[in-house]
Amino acid sequence: MTATIIDGNAAAERQRLQIAAEIARWKEQRRCIPGLAVILVGNDPASEVYIGSKARQTVAVGMRSFEYRLPAETSQDELLTLISRLNADEEVDGILVQLPLPQHIDTDGVIRAVDPAKDVDGFHPENAGRLMRGLPSLVPCTPLGCMMLLQTVATDLRGLHAVVVGRSNIVGKPIAQLLLQADCTVTMTHSRSRDLPAVCRQADILIAAVGRPEMVRGDWIKPGAIVIDVGINRLPTAGAAKGRLVGDVAFEEARHIAGAITPVPGGVGPMTIACLLQNTLLTAGGRGK
């Protein structure tokens, strides 16, 4: 068996085309343009690349992009003052604060400071609570992208056993809620789960979001399972300055057992940014534009 490769680049391109078409209609009918503000504190290289990609894609679909690159020594109060100003800015429909933040800044306090109606990351406690209760909410971009990719290979997820490896607030917990809403049977696992390989072998859907390179081995996977690999890890490679990117799943082992699998890169990553643009469109609509 050789797994179907779930092409995140192609799915993201389809999503961006739909968003661009919708924004073109907005410009013609509503005479307004949605705007996304992105804040980066410090100069983390991975975050720099990610922010640049977000800005380019925001502009490419016809939205306004507002970038705020702040020095690493920016204080908590200075950051909160900027967020307050963006909350009140009518041209800004979505606000994203790039994580991780420098250690001297209270990340939870920053997340709570963003207006829930502009919280395109879906991290604010109000949006997290609404998601848990199954109410309409802004959903974190990576879990939302995972669900869209799942639905390209399985339109009906009802009754399937989904195992989530990782319990972060950014991916693990929200993806579990989305899977429950899709009527899956969900098992959450983490670093202290007993006999993790045996639990993973029960999964019809396996979501790997633990942040450890190639931790999930091929023999952890149930034959025919759908594997969504959220991990992005850089491993040193001889002769390569930047090393190579790998996921949380040992891809070459898994592809011969799984029924479908996302690659790294080119899987979940592109969909995360596409869903960020989708969330910005939703926030603009919710604010009556």
C-alpha atoms as a PDB file:
ATOM      1  CA  MET A   1       0.000   0.000   0.000  1.00  0.00           C
ATOM      2  CA  THR A   2       1.175   3.514  -0.823  1.00  0.00           C
ATOM      3  CA  ALA A   3      -0.702   6.356   0.820  1.00  0.00           C
ATOM      4  CA  THR A   4      -2.510   9.114  -1.018  1.00  0.00           C
ATOM      5  CA  ILE A   5      -0.513  12.298  -0.476  1.00  0.00           C
ATOM      6  CA  ILE A   6      -2.793  15.069   0.781  1.00  0.00           C
ATOM      7  CA  ASP A   7      -1.620  18.137  -1.121  1.00  0.00           C
ATOM      8  CA  GLY A   8      -1.856  21.135   1.195  1.00  0.00           C
ATOM      9  CA  ASN A   9      -0.433  23.494  -1.416  1.00  0.00           C
ATOM     10  CA  ALA A  10      -3.207  22.663  -3.882  1.00  0.00           C
ATOM     11  CA  ALA A  11      -5.936  22.880  -1.228  1.00  0.00           C
ATOM     12  CA  ALA A  12      -4.605  26.220  -0.002  1.00  0.00           C
ATOM     13  CA  GLU A  13      -4.500  27.600  -3.543  1.00  0.00           C
ATOM     14  CA  ARG A  14      -8.159  26.648  -4.060  1.00  0.00           C
ATOM     15  CA  GLN A  15      -9.039  28.362  -0.789  1.00  0.00           C
ATOM     16  CA  ARG A  16      -7.125  31.520  -1.712  1.00  0.00           C
ATOM     17  CA  LEU A  17      -8.843  31.720  -5.113  1.00  0.00           C
ATOM     18  CA  GLN A  18     -12.240  31.547  -3.421  1.00  0.00           C
ATOM     19  CA  ILE A  19     -11.226  34.245  -0.935  1.00  0.00           C
ATOM     20  CA  ALA A  20      -9.857  36.484  -3.690  1.00  0.00           C
ATOM     21  CA  ALA A  21     -13.109  36.145  -5.647  1.00  0.00           C
ATOM     22  CA  GLU A  22     -15.132  37.051  -2.547  1.00  0.00           C
ATOM     23  CA  ILE A  23     -12.961  40.093  -1.844  1.00  0.00           C
ATOM     24  CA  ALA A  24     -13.350  41.245  -5.453  1.00  0.00           C
ATOM     25  CA  ARG A  25     -17.130  41.153  -4.920  1.00  0.00           C
ATOM     26  CA  TRP A  26     -16.702  43.119  -1.695  1.00  0.00           C
ATOM     27  CA  LYS A  27     -14.763  45.819  -3.485  1.00  0.00           C
ATOM     28  CA  GLU A  28     -17.469  46.114  -6.127  1.00  0.00           C
ATOM     29  CA  GLN A  29     -20.553  45.820  -3.941  1.00  0.00           C
ATOM     30  CA  ARG A  30     -19.494  47.051  -0.481  1.00  0.00           C
ATOM     31  CA  ARG A  31     -16.732  49.495  -1.460  1.00  0.00           C
ATOM     32  CA  CYS A  32     -14.459  48.231   1.313  1.00  0.00           C
ATOM     33  CA  ILE A  33     -11.368  46.080   1.725  1.00  0.00           C
ATOM     34  CA  PRO A  34     -10.732  43.768   4.717  1.00  0.00           C
ATOM     35  CA  GLY A  35      -7.501  44.443   6.595  1.00  0.00           C
ATOM     36  CA  LEU A  36      -5.212  42.139   8.598  1.00  0.00           C
ATOM     37  CA  ALA A  37      -2.710  43.462  11.155  1.00  0.00           C
ATOM     38  CA  VAL A  38       0.200  41.209  12.123  1.00  0.00           C
ATOM     39  CA  ILE A  39       2.498  41.978  15.061  1.00  0.00           C
ATOM     40  CA  LEU A  40       5.967  40.463  15.409  1.00  0.00           C
ATOM     41  CA  VAL A  41       8.012  41.129  18.551  1.00  0.00           C
ATOM     42  CA  GLY A  42      11.699  40.284  18.156  1.00  0.00           C
ATOM     43  CA  ASN A  43      13.519  38.714  15.246  1.00  0.00           C
ATOM     44  CA  ASP A  44      12.951  34.966  15.494  1.00  0.00           C
ATOM     45  CA  PRO A  45      14.043  33.689  12.032  1.00  0.00           C
ATOM     46  CA  ALA A  46      11.146  31.236  11.607  1.00  0.00           C
ATOM     47  CA  SER A  47       8.639  33.900  12.621  1.00  0.00           C
ATOM     48  CA  GLU A  48      10.225  36.400  10.219  1.00  0.00           C
ATOM     49  CA  VAL A  49       9.709  34.006   7.306  1.00  0.00           C
ATOM     50  CA  TYR A  50       6.169  33.197   8.398  1.00  0.00           C
ATOM     51  CA  ILE A  51       5.193  36.855   8.782  1.00  0.00           C
ATOM     52  CA  GLY A  52       6.565  37.662   5.333  1.00  0.00           C
ATOM     53  CA  SER A  53       4.555  34.849   3.771  1.00  0.00           C
ATOM     54  CA  LYS A  54       1.385  35.980   5.527  1.00  0.00           C
ATOM     55  CA  ALA A  55       1.830  39.541   4.313  1.00  0.00           C
ATOM     56  CA  ARG A  56       2.432  38.504   0.694  1.00  0.00           C
ATOM     57  CA  GLN A  57      -0.590  36.220   0.620  1.00  0.00           C
ATOM     58  CA  THR A  58      -2.792  38.809   2.304  1.00  0.00           C
ATOM     59  CA  VAL A  59      -2.007  41.328  -0.416  1.00  0.00           C
ATOM     60  CA  ALA A  60      -2.260  38.681  -3.163  1.00  0.00           C
ATOM     61  CA  VAL A  61      -5.926  37.958  -2.358  1.00  0.00           C
ATOM     62  CA  GLY A  62      -6.748  41.669  -2.325  1.00  0.00           C
ATOM     63  CA  MET A  63      -6.704  42.438   1.398  1.00  0.00           C
ATOM     64  CA  ARG A  64      -4.849  45.177   3.204  1.00  0.00           C
ATOM     65  CA  SER A  65      -1.802  44.084   5.177  1.00  0.00           C
ATOM     66  CA  PHE A  66      -0.585  46.025   8.209  1.00  0.00           C
ATOM     67  CA  GLU A  67       2.748  44.851   9.626  1.00  0.00           C
ATOM     68  CA  TYR A  68       4.180  45.867  12.989  1.00  0.00           C
ATOM     69  CA  ARG A  69       7.734  44.642  13.636  1.00  0.00           C
ATOM     70  CA  LEU A  70       8.736  45.542  17.170  1.00  0.00           C
ATOM     71  CA  PRO A  71      12.137  45.122  18.841  1.00  0.00           C
ATOM     72  CA  ALA A  72      12.625  42.217  21.248  1.00  0.00           C
ATOM     73  CA  GLU A  73      12.887  44.616  24.196  1.00  0.00           C
ATOM     74  CA  THR A  74       9.360  45.980  23.598  1.00  0.00           C
ATOM     75  CA  SER A  75       7.556  46.120  26.941  1.00  0.00           C
ATOM     76  CA  GLN A  76       4.257  44.490  27.801  1.00  0.00           C
ATOM     77  CA  ASP A  77       2.614  47.907  28.141  1.00  0.00           C
ATOM     78  CA  GLU A  78       3.884  49.055  24.742  1.00  0.00           C
ATOM     79  CA  LEU A  79       2.532  45.920  23.077  1.00  0.00           C
ATOM     80  CA  LEU A  80      -0.832  46.231  24.829  1.00  0.00           C
ATOM     81  CA  THR A  81      -1.080  49.874  23.786  1.00  0.00           C
ATOM     82  CA  LEU A  82      -0.579  48.891  20.136  1.00  0.00           C
ATOM     83  CA  ILE A  83      -3.197  46.139  20.402  1.00  0.00           C
ATOM     84  CA  SER A  84      -5.666  48.589  21.970  1.00  0.00           C
ATOM     85  CA  ARG A  85      -5.126  50.989  19.084  1.00  0.00           C
ATOM     86  CA  LEU A  86      -5.667  48.223  16.512  1.00  0.00           C
ATOM     87  CA  ASN A  87      -8.799  47.052  18.341  1.00  0.00           C
ATOM     88  CA  ALA A  88     -10.256  50.533  17.752  1.00  0.00           C
ATOM     89  CA  ASP A  89      -9.021  50.921  14.164  1.00  0.00           C
ATOM     90  CA  GLU A  90     -11.929  50.492  11.723  1.00  0.00           C
ATOM     91  CA  GLU A  91      -9.552  49.607   8.874  1.00  0.00           C
ATOM     92  CA  VAL A  92      -8.251  46.594  10.806  1.00  0.00           C
ATOM     93  CA  ASP A  93     -10.576  43.574  10.762  1.00  0.00           C
ATOM     94  CA  GLY A  94      -8.179  40.954  12.072  1.00  0.00           C
ATOM     95  CA  ILE A  95      -5.281  41.062  14.549  1.00  0.00           C
ATOM     96  CA  LEU A  96      -2.623  38.387  14.820  1.00  0.00           C
ATOM     97  CA  VAL A  97       0.203  38.480  17.367  1.00  0.00           C
ATOM     98  CA  GLN A  98       2.930  36.125  16.206  1.00  0.00           C
ATOM     99  CA  LEU A  99       3.952  33.553  18.811  1.00  0.00           C
ATOM    100  CA  PRO A 100       6.204  32.829  20.604  1.00  0.00           C
ATOM    101  CA  LEU A 101       6.675  36.159  22.334  1.00  0.00           C
ATOM    102  CA  PRO A 102       9.809  37.129  24.296  1.00  0.00           C
ATOM    103  CA  GLN A 103       9.896  35.619  27.778  1.00  0.00           C
ATOM    104  CA  HIS A 104       9.323  38.928  29.581  1.00  0.00           C
ATOM    105  CA  ILE A 105       5.883  39.309  27.963  1.00  0.00           C
ATOM    106  CA  ASP A 106       2.792  37.600  29.399  1.00  0.00           C
ATOM    107  CA  THR A 107       1.446  35.683  26.399  1.00  0.00           C
ATOM    108  CA  ASP A 108      -1.941  34.968  27.986  1.00  0.00           C
ATOM    109  CA  GLY A 109      -2.396  38.631  28.814  1.00  0.00           C
ATOM    110  CA  VAL A 110      -1.650  39.583  25.218  1.00  0.00           C
ATOM    111  CA  ILE A 111      -4.091  37.001  23.850  1.00  0.00           C
ATOM    112  CA  ARG A 112      -6.833  38.300  26.164  1.00  0.00           C
ATOM    113  CA  ALA A 113      -6.142  41.882  25.060  1.00  0.00           C
ATOM    114  CA  VAL A 114      -7.123  41.232  21.436  1.00  0.00           C
ATOM    115  CA  ASP A 115     -10.768  42.040  20.664  1.00  0.00           C
ATOM    116  CA  PRO A 116     -12.469  38.606  20.325  1.00  0.00           C
ATOM    117  CA  ALA A 117     -14.228  39.902  17.188  1.00  0.00           C
ATOM    118  CA  LYS A 118     -10.806  40.530  15.585  1.00  0.00           C
ATOM    119  CA  ASP A 119      -9.099  37.428  16.992  1.00  0.00           C
ATOM    120  CA  VAL A 120      -8.217  35.712  13.697  1.00  0.00           C
ATOM    121  CA  ASP A 121      -6.002  33.231  15.571  1.00  0.00           C
ATOM    122  CA  GLY A 122      -9.014  32.000  17.552  1.00  0.00           C
ATOM    123  CA  PHE A 123      -6.975  31.965  20.778  1.00  0.00           C
ATOM    124  CA  HIS A 124      -9.012  34.391  22.913  1.00  0.00           C
ATOM    125  CA  PRO A 125     -10.756  32.625  25.835  1.00  0.00           C
ATOM    126  CA  GLU A 126     -14.139  33.751  24.490  1.00  0.00           C
ATOM    127  CA  ASN A 127     -13.556  32.066  21.135  1.00  0.00           C
ATOM    128  CA  ALA A 128     -12.016  28.990  22.787  1.00  0.00           C
ATOM    129  CA  GLY A 129     -15.072  28.693  25.051  1.00  0.00           C
ATOM    130  CA  ARG A 130     -17.507  29.031  22.168  1.00  0.00           C
ATOM    131  CA  LEU A 131     -15.633  26.332  20.247  1.00  0.00           C
ATOM    132  CA  MET A 132     -15.809  24.000  23.251  1.00  0.00           C
ATOM    133  CA  ARG A 133     -19.577  24.534  23.482  1.00  0.00           C
ATOM    134  CA  GLY A 134     -20.066  23.972  19.753  1.00  0.00           C
ATOM    135  CA  LEU A 135     -21.129  27.571  19.136  1.00  0.00           C
ATOM    136  CA  PRO A 136     -20.104  29.683  16.120  1.00  0.00           C
ATOM    137  CA  SER A 137     -16.636  31.062  16.751  1.00  0.00           C
ATOM    138  CA  LEU A 138     -13.325  31.997  15.204  1.00  0.00           C
ATOM    139  CA  VAL A 139     -11.410  28.717  15.021  1.00  0.00           C
ATOM    140  CA  PRO A 140      -7.604  28.475  15.315  1.00  0.00           C
ATOM    141  CA  CYS A 141      -6.149  28.377  11.829  1.00  0.00           C
ATOM    142  CA  THR A 142      -4.060  25.200  11.985  1.00  0.00           C
ATOM    143  CA  PRO A 143      -6.847  22.960  13.372  1.00  0.00           C
ATOM    144  CA  LEU A 144      -9.282  24.439  10.846  1.00  0.00           C
ATOM    145  CA  GLY A 145      -6.823  23.687   8.047  1.00  0.00           C
ATOM    146  CA  CYS A 146      -6.422  20.122   9.341  1.00  0.00           C
ATOM    147  CA  MET A 147     -10.174  19.575   9.144  1.00  0.00           C
ATOM    148  CA  MET A 148     -10.316  20.933   5.596  1.00  0.00           C
ATOM    149  CA  LEU A 149      -7.531  18.586   4.529  1.00  0.00           C
ATOM    150  CA  LEU A 150      -9.238  15.639   6.229  1.00  0.00           C
ATOM    151  CA  GLN A 151     -12.394  16.359   4.279  1.00  0.00           C
ATOM    152  CA  THR A 152     -10.533  16.143   0.959  1.00  0.00           C
ATOM    153  CA  VAL A 153     -10.053  12.406   1.537  1.00  0.00           C
ATOM    154  CA  ALA A 154     -12.998  11.541   3.825  1.00  0.00           C
ATOM    155  CA  THR A 155     -16.210  13.483   3.415  1.00  0.00           C
ATOM    156  CA  ASP A 156     -17.983  11.610   6.234  1.00  0.00           C
ATOM    157  CA  LEU A 157     -16.012  11.393   9.481  1.00  0.00           C
ATOM    158  CA  ARG A 158     -18.900  10.184  11.634  1.00  0.00           C
ATOM    159  CA  GLY A 159     -17.971   7.352  13.977  1.00  0.00           C
ATOM    160  CA  LEU A 160     -14.291   7.261  13.030  1.00  0.00           C
ATOM    161  CA  HIS A 161     -11.792   6.937  15.862  1.00  0.00           C
ATOM    162  CA  ALA A 162      -9.477   9.942  15.899  1.00  0.00           C
ATOM    163  CA  VAL A 163      -6.328   9.977  18.034  1.00  0.00           C
ATOM    164  CA  VAL A 164      -4.702  13.356  18.719  1.00  0.00           C
ATOM    165  CA  VAL A 165      -1.059  13.290  19.791  1.00  0.00           C
ATOM    166  CA  GLY A 166      -0.451  16.560  21.637  1.00  0.00           C
ATOM    167  CA  ARG A 167      -2.628  18.679  23.930  1.00  0.00           C
ATOM    168  CA  SER A 168      -1.597  22.261  23.194  1.00  0.00           C
ATOM    169  CA  ASN A 169      -4.103  25.110  23.250  1.00  0.00           C
ATOM    170  CA  ILE A 170      -3.014  26.019  19.725  1.00  0.00           C
ATOM    171  CA  VAL A 171      -3.596  22.678  17.985  1.00  0.00           C
ATOM    172  CA  GLY A 172      -4.316  19.629  20.128  1.00  0.00           C
ATOM    173  CA  LYS A 173      -7.288  20.844  22.177  1.00  0.00           C
ATOM    174  CA  PRO A 174      -9.084  22.752  19.397  1.00  0.00           C
ATOM    175  CA  ILE A 175      -8.656  19.982  16.811  1.00  0.00           C
ATOM    176  CA  ALA A 176     -10.167  17.558  19.326  1.00  0.00           C
ATOM    177  CA  GLN A 177     -13.215  19.833  19.627  1.00  0.00           C
ATOM    178  CA  LEU A 178     -13.596  20.046  15.842  1.00  0.00           C
ATOM    179  CA  LEU A 179     -13.343  16.269  15.522  1.00  0.00           C
ATOM    180  CA  LEU A 180     -16.003  15.847  18.198  1.00  0.00           C
ATOM    181  CA  GLN A 181     -18.252  18.242  16.278  1.00  0.00           C
ATOM    182  CA  ALA A 182     -17.729  16.013  13.230  1.00  0.00           C
ATOM    183  CA  ASP A 183     -19.030  13.067  15.342  1.00  0.00           C
ATOM    184  CA  CYS A 184     -15.678  11.311  15.641  1.00  0.00           C
ATOM    185  CA  THR A 185     -14.728   9.293  18.697  1.00  0.00           C
ATOM    186  CA  VAL A 186     -11.722  11.210  20.003  1.00  0.00           C
ATOM    187  CA  THR A 187      -8.791  10.068  22.121  1.00  0.00           C
ATOM    188  CA  MET A 188      -6.380  12.732  23.404  1.00  0.00           C
ATOM    189  CA  THR A 189      -2.813  11.626  24.095  1.00  0.00           C
ATOM    190  CA  HIS A 190       0.271  13.391  25.411  1.00  0.00           C
ATOM    191  CA  SER A 191       3.740  12.878  26.835  1.00  0.00           C
ATOM    192  CA  ARG A 192       2.467  10.877  29.807  1.00  0.00           C
ATOM    193  CA  SER A 193       0.076   8.620  27.926  1.00  0.00           C
ATOM    194  CA  ARG A 194       0.809   4.961  28.537  1.00  0.00           C
ATOM    195  CA  ASP A 195       1.734   2.742  25.573  1.00  0.00           C
ATOM    196  CA  LEU A 196       1.274   5.542  23.060  1.00  0.00           C
ATOM    197  CA  PRO A 197       2.122   3.374  20.027  1.00  0.00           C
ATOM    198  CA  ALA A 198      -0.703   0.961  20.887  1.00  0.00           C
ATOM    199  CA  VAL A 199      -3.186   3.834  21.233  1.00  0.00           C
ATOM    200  CA  CYS A 200      -2.114   5.289  17.883  1.00  0.00           C
ATOM    201  CA  ARG A 201      -2.606   1.922  16.169  1.00  0.00           C
ATOM    202  CA  GLN A 202      -6.326   2.165  16.995  1.00  0.00           C
ATOM    203  CA  ALA A 203      -6.745   5.400  15.052  1.00  0.00           C
ATOM    204  CA  ASP A 204      -8.717   5.727  11.838  1.00  0.00           C
ATOM    205  CA  ILE A 205      -7.514   9.348  11.921  1.00  0.00           C
ATOM    206  CA  LEU A 206      -4.171  10.197  13.504  1.00  0.00           C
ATOM    207  CA  ILE A 207      -3.305  13.843  14.214  1.00  0.00           C
ATOM    208  CA  ALA A 208       0.366  14.326  15.154  1.00  0.00           C
ATOM    209  CA  ALA A 209       0.942  17.694  16.847  1.00  0.00           C
ATOM    210  CA  VAL A 210       3.564  17.081  19.490  1.00  0.00           C
ATOM    211  CA  GLY A 211       6.584  18.991  18.139  1.00  0.00           C
ATOM    212  CA  ARG A 212       9.066  16.093  18.161  1.00  0.00           C
ATOM    213  CA  PRO A 213      10.697  15.185  14.847  1.00  0.00           C
ATOM    214  CA  GLU A 214       9.588  11.845  13.394  1.00  0.00           C
ATOM    215  CA  MET A 215       8.359  10.598  16.759  1.00  0.00           C
ATOM    216  CA  VAL A 216       5.408   8.720  15.247  1.00  0.00           C
ATOM    217  CA  ARG A 217       6.871   5.672  13.523  1.00  0.00           C
ATOM    218  CA  GLY A 218       5.377   3.677  10.696  1.00  0.00           C
ATOM    219  CA  ASP A 219       4.480   0.737  12.955  1.00  0.00           C
ATOM    220  CA  TRP A 220       2.377   3.079  15.122  1.00  0.00           C
ATOM    221  CA  ILE A 221      -0.099   3.504  12.281  1.00  0.00           C
ATOM    222  CA  LYS A 222      -3.185   1.443  11.555  1.00  0.00           C
ATOM    223  CA  PRO A 223      -3.175   0.226   7.937  1.00  0.00           C
ATOM    224  CA  GLY A 224      -5.294   2.574   5.840  1.00  0.00           C
ATOM    225  CA  ALA A 225      -5.479   5.332   8.473  1.00  0.00           C
ATOM    226  CA  ILE A 226      -5.540   9.030   7.574  1.00  0.00           C
ATOM    227  CA  VAL A 227      -2.474  10.772   9.032  1.00  0.00           C
ATOM    228  CA  ILE A 228      -2.366  14.547   9.472  1.00  0.00           C
ATOM    229  CA  ASP A 229       1.134  15.687  10.426  1.00  0.00           C
ATOM    230  CA  VAL A 230       1.113  19.130  12.035  1.00  0.00           C
ATOM    231  CA  GLY A 231       4.767  19.110  13.091  1.00  0.00           C
ATOM    232  CA  ILE A 232       7.401  21.327  11.493  1.00  0.00           C
ATOM    233  CA  ASN A 233      10.890  20.482  12.738  1.00  0.00           C
ATOM    234  CA  ARG A 234      14.269  21.345  11.270  1.00  0.00           C
ATOM    235  CA  LEU A 235      16.968  18.658  11.440  1.00  0.00           C
ATOM    236  CA  PRO A 236      20.630  19.349  10.728  1.00  0.00           C
ATOM    237  CA  THR A 237      21.826  17.900   7.436  1.00  0.00           C
ATOM    238  CA  ALA A 238      25.427  17.604   6.285  1.00  0.00           C
ATOM    239  CA  GLY A 239      26.169  20.176   3.597  1.00  0.00           C
ATOM    240  CA  ALA A 240      22.903  22.077   4.082  1.00  0.00           C
ATOM    241  CA  ALA A 241      23.033  25.359   5.976  1.00  0.00           C
ATOM    242  CA  LYS A 242      19.366  25.283   7.020  1.00  0.00           C
ATOM    243  CA  GLY A 243      18.997  21.526   7.431  1.00  0.00           C
ATOM    244  CA  ARG A 244      15.836  19.736   6.357  1.00  0.00           C
ATOM    245  CA  LEU A 245      12.231  20.065   7.435  1.00  0.00           C
ATOM    246  CA  VAL A 246      10.460  17.025   8.832  1.00  0.00           C
ATOM    247  CA  GLY A 247       7.183  16.475  10.591  1.00  0.00           C
ATOM    248  CA  ASP A 248       6.252  14.626  13.755  1.00  0.00           C
ATOM    249  CA  VAL A 249       5.675  11.485  11.658  1.00  0.00           C
ATOM    250  CA  ALA A 250       8.371   9.342  10.051  1.00  0.00           C
ATOM    251  CA  PHE A 251       6.971  10.011   6.588  1.00  0.00           C
ATOM    252  CA  GLU A 252       8.820   7.396   4.540  1.00  0.00           C
ATOM    253  CA  GLU A 253       7.774   4.660   6.966  1.00  0.00           C
ATOM    254  CA  ALA A 254       4.210   5.894   7.327  1.00  0.00           C
ATOM    255  CA  ARG A 255       3.443   6.390   3.642  1.00  0.00           C
ATOM    256  CA  HIS A 256       3.590   2.630   3.056  1.00  0.00           C
ATOM    257  CA  ILE A 257       1.004   1.903   5.767  1.00  0.00           C
ATOM    258  CA  ALA A 258      -1.369   4.870   5.895  1.00  0.00           C
ATOM    259  CA  GLY A 259      -4.244   5.316   3.488  1.00  0.00           C
ATOM    260  CA  ALA A 260      -3.609   9.069   3.196  1.00  0.00           C
ATOM    261  CA  ILE A 261      -0.990  11.370   4.700  1.00  0.00           C
ATOM    262  CA  THR A 262       0.076  15.011   4.673  1.00  0.00           C
ATOM    263  CA  PRO A 263       3.705  15.720   3.765  1.00  0.00           C
ATOM    264  CA  VAL A 264       6.038  18.153   5.513  1.00  0.00           C
ATOM    265  CA  PRO A 265       6.506  20.641   4.020  1.00  0.00           C
ATOM    266  CA  GLY A 266       3.509  21.137   1.737  1.00  0.00           C
ATOM    267  CA  GLY A 267       0.771  19.765   3.960  1.00  0.00           C
ATOM    268  CA  VAL A 268      -0.800  21.563   6.902  1.00  0.00           C
ATOM    269  CA  GLY A 269       1.447  24.650   6.713  1.00  0.00           C
ATOM    270  CA  PRO A 270      -0.034  26.228   3.566  1.00  0.00           C
ATOM    271  CA  MET A 271      -3.570  25.629   4.833  1.00  0.00           C
ATOM    272  CA  THR A 272      -2.815  27.479   8.074  1.00  0.00           C
ATOM    273  CA  ILE A 273      -2.215  30.731   6.200  1.00  0.00           C
ATOM    274  CA  ALA A 274      -5.203  30.150   3.899  1.00  0.00           C
ATOM    275  CA  CYS A 275      -7.407  29.733   6.980  1.00  0.00           C
ATOM    276  CA  LEU A 276      -5.966  32.911   8.469  1.00  0.00           C
ATOM    277  CA  LEU A 277      -7.183  34.780   5.387  1.00  0.00           C
ATOM    278  CA  GLN A 278     -10.557  33.034   5.662  1.00  0.00           C
ATOM    279  CA  ASN A 279     -10.862  34.092   9.302  1.00  0.00           C
ATOM    280  CA  THR A 280     -10.041  37.701   8.364  1.00  0.00           C
ATOM    281  CA  LEU A 281     -12.852  37.644   5.831  1.00  0.00           C
ATOM    282  CA  LEU A 282     -15.189  36.282   8.513  1.00  0.00           C
ATOM    283  CA  THR A 283     -14.231  38.979  11.014  1.00  0.00           C
ATOM    284  CA  ALA A 284     -14.791  41.684   8.410  1.00  0.00           C
ATOM    285  CA  GLY A 285     -18.238  40.285   7.645  1.00  0.00           C
ATOM    286  CA  GLY A 286     -19.049  39.973  11.319  1.00  0.00           C
ATOM    287  CA  ARG A 287     -18.210  43.637  11.825  1.00  0.00           C
ATOM    288  CA  GLY A 288     -20.760  44.631   9.186  1.00  0.00           C
ATOM    289  CA  LYS A 289     -18.455  45.586   6.368  1.00  0.00           C
END
